[in-house]
Amino acid sequence: MTYLNRYTPFSNLGKMKVSLVLKGFTAKKCHIVEKIVNQKHGSAFDEWVSMSAPKIDEQIIDYLKSICIPKMNTKDEEIATLSPLEVRLIEIHY
């Protein structure tokens, strides 16, 4: 692992499937909203590295804030697949 390459220790991990069982949940239909931050979506660090890791100043911070937003999915699905170092907020609406 280096200062700019943070994924080396995770190169062999692959994706992870997560299953969640909700007991006492009585809704027959629900709408799922996911907000995802990973290497491709919403990661200020990865965007900064793709810019050749310039010196961080107010202009760079403002730019990264404007482009680094989580990806949003809406779906009806039982299993989520996570990439290494991915963070995912899953909201279930019924």
N, C-alpha and C. Protein backbone atom coordinates (compact mmCIF):
# COMPACT_ATOMS: atom_id res chain seq x y z
N MET A 1 0.85 -1.16 0.00
CA MET A 1 0.00 0.00 0.00
C MET A 1 0.90 1.24 0.00
N THR A 2 0.53 2.23 -0.79
CA THR A 2 1.25 3.49 -0.83
C THR A 2 0.31 4.63 -0.46
N TYR A 3 0.87 5.81 -0.39
CA TYR A 3 0.07 6.98 -0.05
C TYR A 3 -1.07 7.18 -1.05
N LEU A 4 -0.82 6.91 -2.34
CA LEU A 4 -1.84 7.12 -3.37
C LEU A 4 -2.57 5.85 -3.79
N ASN A 5 -2.06 4.68 -3.46
CA ASN A 5 -2.72 3.44 -3.82
C ASN A 5 -3.16 2.72 -2.55
N ARG A 6 -4.41 2.91 -2.18
CA ARG A 6 -4.94 2.37 -0.93
C ARG A 6 -5.62 1.02 -1.10
N TYR A 7 -5.72 0.50 -2.33
CA TYR A 7 -6.50 -0.71 -2.58
C TYR A 7 -5.65 -1.98 -2.65
N THR A 8 -4.34 -1.88 -2.63
CA THR A 8 -3.46 -3.04 -2.75
C THR A 8 -3.79 -4.15 -1.75
N PRO A 9 -4.00 -3.87 -0.47
CA PRO A 9 -4.30 -4.97 0.46
C PRO A 9 -5.64 -5.66 0.18
N PHE A 10 -6.49 -5.05 -0.62
CA PHE A 10 -7.82 -5.59 -0.88
C PHE A 10 -7.96 -6.18 -2.28
N SER A 11 -6.86 -6.28 -3.04
CA SER A 11 -6.93 -6.70 -4.44
C SER A 11 -7.48 -8.11 -4.62
N ASN A 12 -7.31 -8.99 -3.66
CA ASN A 12 -7.77 -10.37 -3.80
C ASN A 12 -9.12 -10.65 -3.14
N LEU A 13 -9.73 -9.65 -2.55
CA LEU A 13 -10.96 -9.87 -1.81
C LEU A 13 -12.18 -10.08 -2.70
N GLY A 14 -12.27 -9.36 -3.79
CA GLY A 14 -13.45 -9.46 -4.64
C GLY A 14 -14.67 -8.84 -3.99
N LYS A 15 -15.83 -9.12 -4.54
CA LYS A 15 -17.07 -8.54 -4.03
C LYS A 15 -17.66 -9.43 -2.95
N MET A 16 -18.51 -8.84 -2.12
CA MET A 16 -19.12 -9.55 -1.00
C MET A 16 -20.64 -9.46 -1.14
N LYS A 17 -21.32 -10.57 -0.99
CA LYS A 17 -22.78 -10.56 -0.99
C LYS A 17 -23.26 -10.49 0.44
N VAL A 18 -24.24 -9.64 0.66
CA VAL A 18 -24.80 -9.43 2.00
C VAL A 18 -26.28 -9.78 1.96
N SER A 19 -26.73 -10.54 2.93
CA SER A 19 -28.14 -10.90 3.03
C SER A 19 -28.64 -10.48 4.40
N LEU A 20 -29.81 -9.88 4.44
CA LEU A 20 -30.38 -9.38 5.67
C LEU A 20 -31.80 -9.92 5.83
N VAL A 21 -32.10 -10.53 6.96
CA VAL A 21 -33.44 -11.04 7.24
C VAL A 21 -34.06 -10.13 8.29
N LEU A 22 -35.22 -9.56 7.97
CA LEU A 22 -35.92 -8.67 8.88
C LEU A 22 -37.07 -9.44 9.51
N LYS A 23 -36.99 -9.74 10.79
CA LYS A 23 -38.05 -10.46 11.49
C LYS A 23 -39.10 -9.46 11.98
N GLY A 24 -40.35 -9.84 11.88
CA GLY A 24 -41.43 -8.99 12.33
C GLY A 24 -41.79 -7.90 11.32
N PHE A 25 -41.19 -7.92 10.16
CA PHE A 25 -41.46 -6.94 9.11
C PHE A 25 -42.67 -7.44 8.35
N THR A 26 -43.79 -6.73 8.40
CA THR A 26 -45.04 -7.23 7.85
C THR A 26 -45.39 -6.71 6.45
N ALA A 27 -44.66 -5.74 5.95
CA ALA A 27 -44.98 -5.19 4.63
C ALA A 27 -44.74 -6.24 3.55
N LYS A 28 -45.67 -6.34 2.58
CA LYS A 28 -45.50 -7.29 1.49
C LYS A 28 -44.72 -6.68 0.34
N LYS A 29 -44.77 -5.37 0.21
CA LYS A 29 -44.01 -4.68 -0.83
C LYS A 29 -43.19 -3.58 -0.17
N CYS A 30 -41.99 -3.40 -0.63
CA CYS A 30 -41.17 -2.29 -0.13
C CYS A 30 -40.30 -1.75 -1.25
N HIS A 31 -39.95 -0.52 -1.11
CA HIS A 31 -39.11 0.19 -2.08
C HIS A 31 -37.75 0.39 -1.44
N ILE A 32 -36.69 -0.01 -2.12
CA ILE A 32 -35.34 0.07 -1.57
C ILE A 32 -34.57 1.19 -2.26
N VAL A 33 -33.96 2.06 -1.47
CA VAL A 33 -33.10 3.12 -1.98
C VAL A 33 -31.70 2.89 -1.41
N GLU A 34 -30.71 2.81 -2.30
CA GLU A 34 -29.31 2.62 -1.88
C GLU A 34 -28.51 3.86 -2.24
N LYS A 35 -27.66 4.28 -1.34
CA LYS A 35 -26.70 5.34 -1.62
C LYS A 35 -25.31 4.74 -1.43
N ILE A 36 -24.49 4.81 -2.48
CA ILE A 36 -23.25 4.03 -2.56
C ILE A 36 -22.04 4.94 -2.71
N VAL A 37 -21.03 4.70 -1.88
CA VAL A 37 -19.73 5.36 -2.02
C VAL A 37 -18.70 4.25 -2.18
N ASN A 38 -18.01 4.26 -3.32
CA ASN A 38 -16.96 3.28 -3.57
C ASN A 38 -15.90 3.91 -4.48
N GLN A 39 -15.02 3.11 -5.02
CA GLN A 39 -13.91 3.61 -5.83
C GLN A 39 -14.40 4.37 -7.06
N LYS A 40 -15.56 4.03 -7.59
CA LYS A 40 -16.07 4.66 -8.81
C LYS A 40 -17.06 5.79 -8.55
N HIS A 41 -17.69 5.80 -7.39
CA HIS A 41 -18.76 6.76 -7.12
C HIS A 41 -18.58 7.43 -5.77
N GLY A 42 -18.50 8.74 -5.74
CA GLY A 42 -18.55 9.49 -4.50
C GLY A 42 -17.29 9.55 -3.67
N SER A 43 -16.21 8.94 -4.13
CA SER A 43 -14.97 8.92 -3.35
C SER A 43 -14.09 10.12 -3.70
N ALA A 44 -14.01 11.08 -2.77
CA ALA A 44 -13.17 12.26 -2.99
C ALA A 44 -11.70 11.85 -3.14
N PHE A 45 -11.26 10.86 -2.38
CA PHE A 45 -9.87 10.41 -2.47
C PHE A 45 -9.55 9.90 -3.87
N ASP A 46 -10.41 9.03 -4.43
CA ASP A 46 -10.15 8.48 -5.76
C ASP A 46 -10.21 9.55 -6.85
N GLU A 47 -11.12 10.50 -6.72
CA GLU A 47 -11.17 11.61 -7.69
C GLU A 47 -9.90 12.45 -7.60
N TRP A 48 -9.44 12.71 -6.39
CA TRP A 48 -8.22 13.49 -6.18
C TRP A 48 -7.03 12.77 -6.80
N VAL A 49 -6.92 11.46 -6.61
CA VAL A 49 -5.83 10.68 -7.21
C VAL A 49 -5.92 10.73 -8.73
N SER A 50 -7.13 10.65 -9.29
CA SER A 50 -7.30 10.70 -10.75
C SER A 50 -6.90 12.05 -11.33
N MET A 51 -6.86 13.08 -10.47
CA MET A 51 -6.41 14.42 -10.90
C MET A 51 -4.89 14.55 -10.75
N SER A 52 -4.19 13.43 -10.53
CA SER A 52 -2.75 13.39 -10.29
C SER A 52 -2.38 13.92 -8.91
N ALA A 53 -3.29 13.82 -7.97
CA ALA A 53 -3.05 14.18 -6.57
C ALA A 53 -2.42 15.56 -6.40
N PRO A 54 -3.11 16.61 -6.88
CA PRO A 54 -2.55 17.96 -6.74
C PRO A 54 -2.55 18.42 -5.29
N LYS A 55 -1.80 19.45 -5.03
CA LYS A 55 -1.80 20.05 -3.69
C LYS A 55 -3.24 20.49 -3.38
N ILE A 56 -3.69 20.17 -2.19
CA ILE A 56 -5.08 20.47 -1.83
C ILE A 56 -5.19 21.92 -1.37
N ASP A 57 -6.05 22.65 -2.06
CA ASP A 57 -6.36 24.02 -1.67
C ASP A 57 -7.88 24.19 -1.71
N GLU A 58 -8.36 25.36 -1.44
CA GLU A 58 -9.80 25.60 -1.38
C GLU A 58 -10.50 25.29 -2.70
N GLN A 59 -9.85 25.62 -3.82
CA GLN A 59 -10.45 25.35 -5.14
C GLN A 59 -10.60 23.84 -5.37
N ILE A 60 -9.59 23.06 -5.01
CA ILE A 60 -9.65 21.60 -5.16
C ILE A 60 -10.75 21.03 -4.26
N ILE A 61 -10.82 21.49 -3.03
CA ILE A 61 -11.84 21.01 -2.10
C ILE A 61 -13.24 21.32 -2.62
N ASP A 62 -13.46 22.55 -3.10
CA ASP A 62 -14.77 22.92 -3.65
C ASP A 62 -15.12 22.06 -4.85
N TYR A 63 -14.15 21.80 -5.72
CA TYR A 63 -14.39 20.97 -6.90
C TYR A 63 -14.77 19.55 -6.48
N LEU A 64 -14.00 18.96 -5.57
CA LEU A 64 -14.29 17.59 -5.12
C LEU A 64 -15.66 17.51 -4.45
N LYS A 65 -16.01 18.51 -3.66
CA LYS A 65 -17.34 18.52 -3.03
C LYS A 65 -18.44 18.55 -4.08
N SER A 66 -18.20 19.25 -5.18
CA SER A 66 -19.24 19.39 -6.20
C SER A 66 -19.43 18.13 -7.04
N ILE A 67 -18.39 17.31 -7.17
CA ILE A 67 -18.51 16.12 -8.03
C ILE A 67 -18.63 14.81 -7.28
N CYS A 68 -18.26 14.78 -6.02
CA CYS A 68 -18.23 13.53 -5.26
C CYS A 68 -19.53 13.33 -4.51
N ILE A 69 -20.48 12.78 -5.21
CA ILE A 69 -21.77 12.48 -4.59
C ILE A 69 -22.00 10.97 -4.68
N PRO A 70 -22.65 10.39 -3.69
CA PRO A 70 -22.92 8.95 -3.75
C PRO A 70 -23.81 8.61 -4.94
N LYS A 71 -23.60 7.42 -5.48
CA LYS A 71 -24.49 6.90 -6.51
C LYS A 71 -25.78 6.49 -5.82
N MET A 72 -26.91 6.65 -6.49
CA MET A 72 -28.18 6.27 -5.91
C MET A 72 -28.89 5.26 -6.80
N ASN A 73 -29.32 4.16 -6.22
CA ASN A 73 -30.11 3.13 -6.91
C ASN A 73 -31.45 3.02 -6.21
N THR A 74 -32.48 2.73 -6.97
CA THR A 74 -33.76 2.36 -6.38
C THR A 74 -34.15 1.04 -7.02
N LYS A 75 -34.58 0.08 -6.18
CA LYS A 75 -34.91 -1.24 -6.72
C LYS A 75 -35.61 -2.08 -5.68
N ASP A 76 -36.08 -3.22 -6.11
CA ASP A 76 -36.62 -4.25 -5.24
C ASP A 76 -35.70 -5.46 -5.40
N GLU A 77 -34.88 -5.69 -4.40
CA GLU A 77 -33.89 -6.76 -4.48
C GLU A 77 -33.58 -7.28 -3.09
N GLU A 78 -33.22 -8.53 -3.00
CA GLU A 78 -32.94 -9.13 -1.69
C GLU A 78 -31.46 -9.12 -1.32
N ILE A 79 -30.57 -9.15 -2.30
CA ILE A 79 -29.15 -9.27 -2.00
C ILE A 79 -28.40 -8.09 -2.59
N ALA A 80 -27.53 -7.48 -1.79
CA ALA A 80 -26.66 -6.40 -2.25
C ALA A 80 -25.25 -6.96 -2.41
N THR A 81 -24.54 -6.55 -3.46
CA THR A 81 -23.17 -6.96 -3.69
C THR A 81 -22.26 -5.77 -3.44
N LEU A 82 -21.30 -5.93 -2.53
CA LEU A 82 -20.41 -4.84 -2.15
C LEU A 82 -19.00 -5.04 -2.69
N SER A 83 -18.39 -3.96 -3.19
CA SER A 83 -16.99 -3.97 -3.61
C SER A 83 -16.11 -3.73 -2.38
N PRO A 84 -14.82 -4.08 -2.46
CA PRO A 84 -13.93 -3.80 -1.33
C PRO A 84 -13.95 -2.31 -0.98
N LEU A 85 -13.99 -1.98 0.28
CA LEU A 85 -14.01 -0.62 0.82
C LEU A 85 -15.26 0.16 0.48
N GLU A 86 -16.29 -0.49 -0.01
CA GLU A 86 -17.53 0.20 -0.36
C GLU A 86 -18.37 0.44 0.89
N VAL A 87 -19.01 1.58 0.93
CA VAL A 87 -19.96 1.92 1.99
C VAL A 87 -21.32 2.08 1.32
N ARG A 88 -22.34 1.47 1.90
CA ARG A 88 -23.67 1.53 1.29
C ARG A 88 -24.72 1.76 2.35
N LEU A 89 -25.54 2.79 2.16
CA LEU A 89 -26.69 3.04 3.01
C LEU A 89 -27.90 2.48 2.28
N ILE A 90 -28.63 1.60 2.93
CA ILE A 90 -29.82 1.00 2.31
C ILE A 90 -31.03 1.43 3.13
N GLU A 91 -31.95 2.15 2.48
CA GLU A 91 -33.19 2.58 3.11
C GLU A 91 -34.31 1.71 2.58
N ILE A 92 -35.12 1.21 3.48
CA ILE A 92 -36.26 0.39 3.08
C ILE A 92 -37.53 1.15 3.42
N HIS A 93 -38.33 1.45 2.40
CA HIS A 93 -39.58 2.20 2.57
C HIS A 93 -40.74 1.26 2.27
N TYR A 94 -41.74 1.25 3.11
CA TYR A 94 -42.92 0.42 2.86
C TYR A 94 -44.17 1.21 3.02
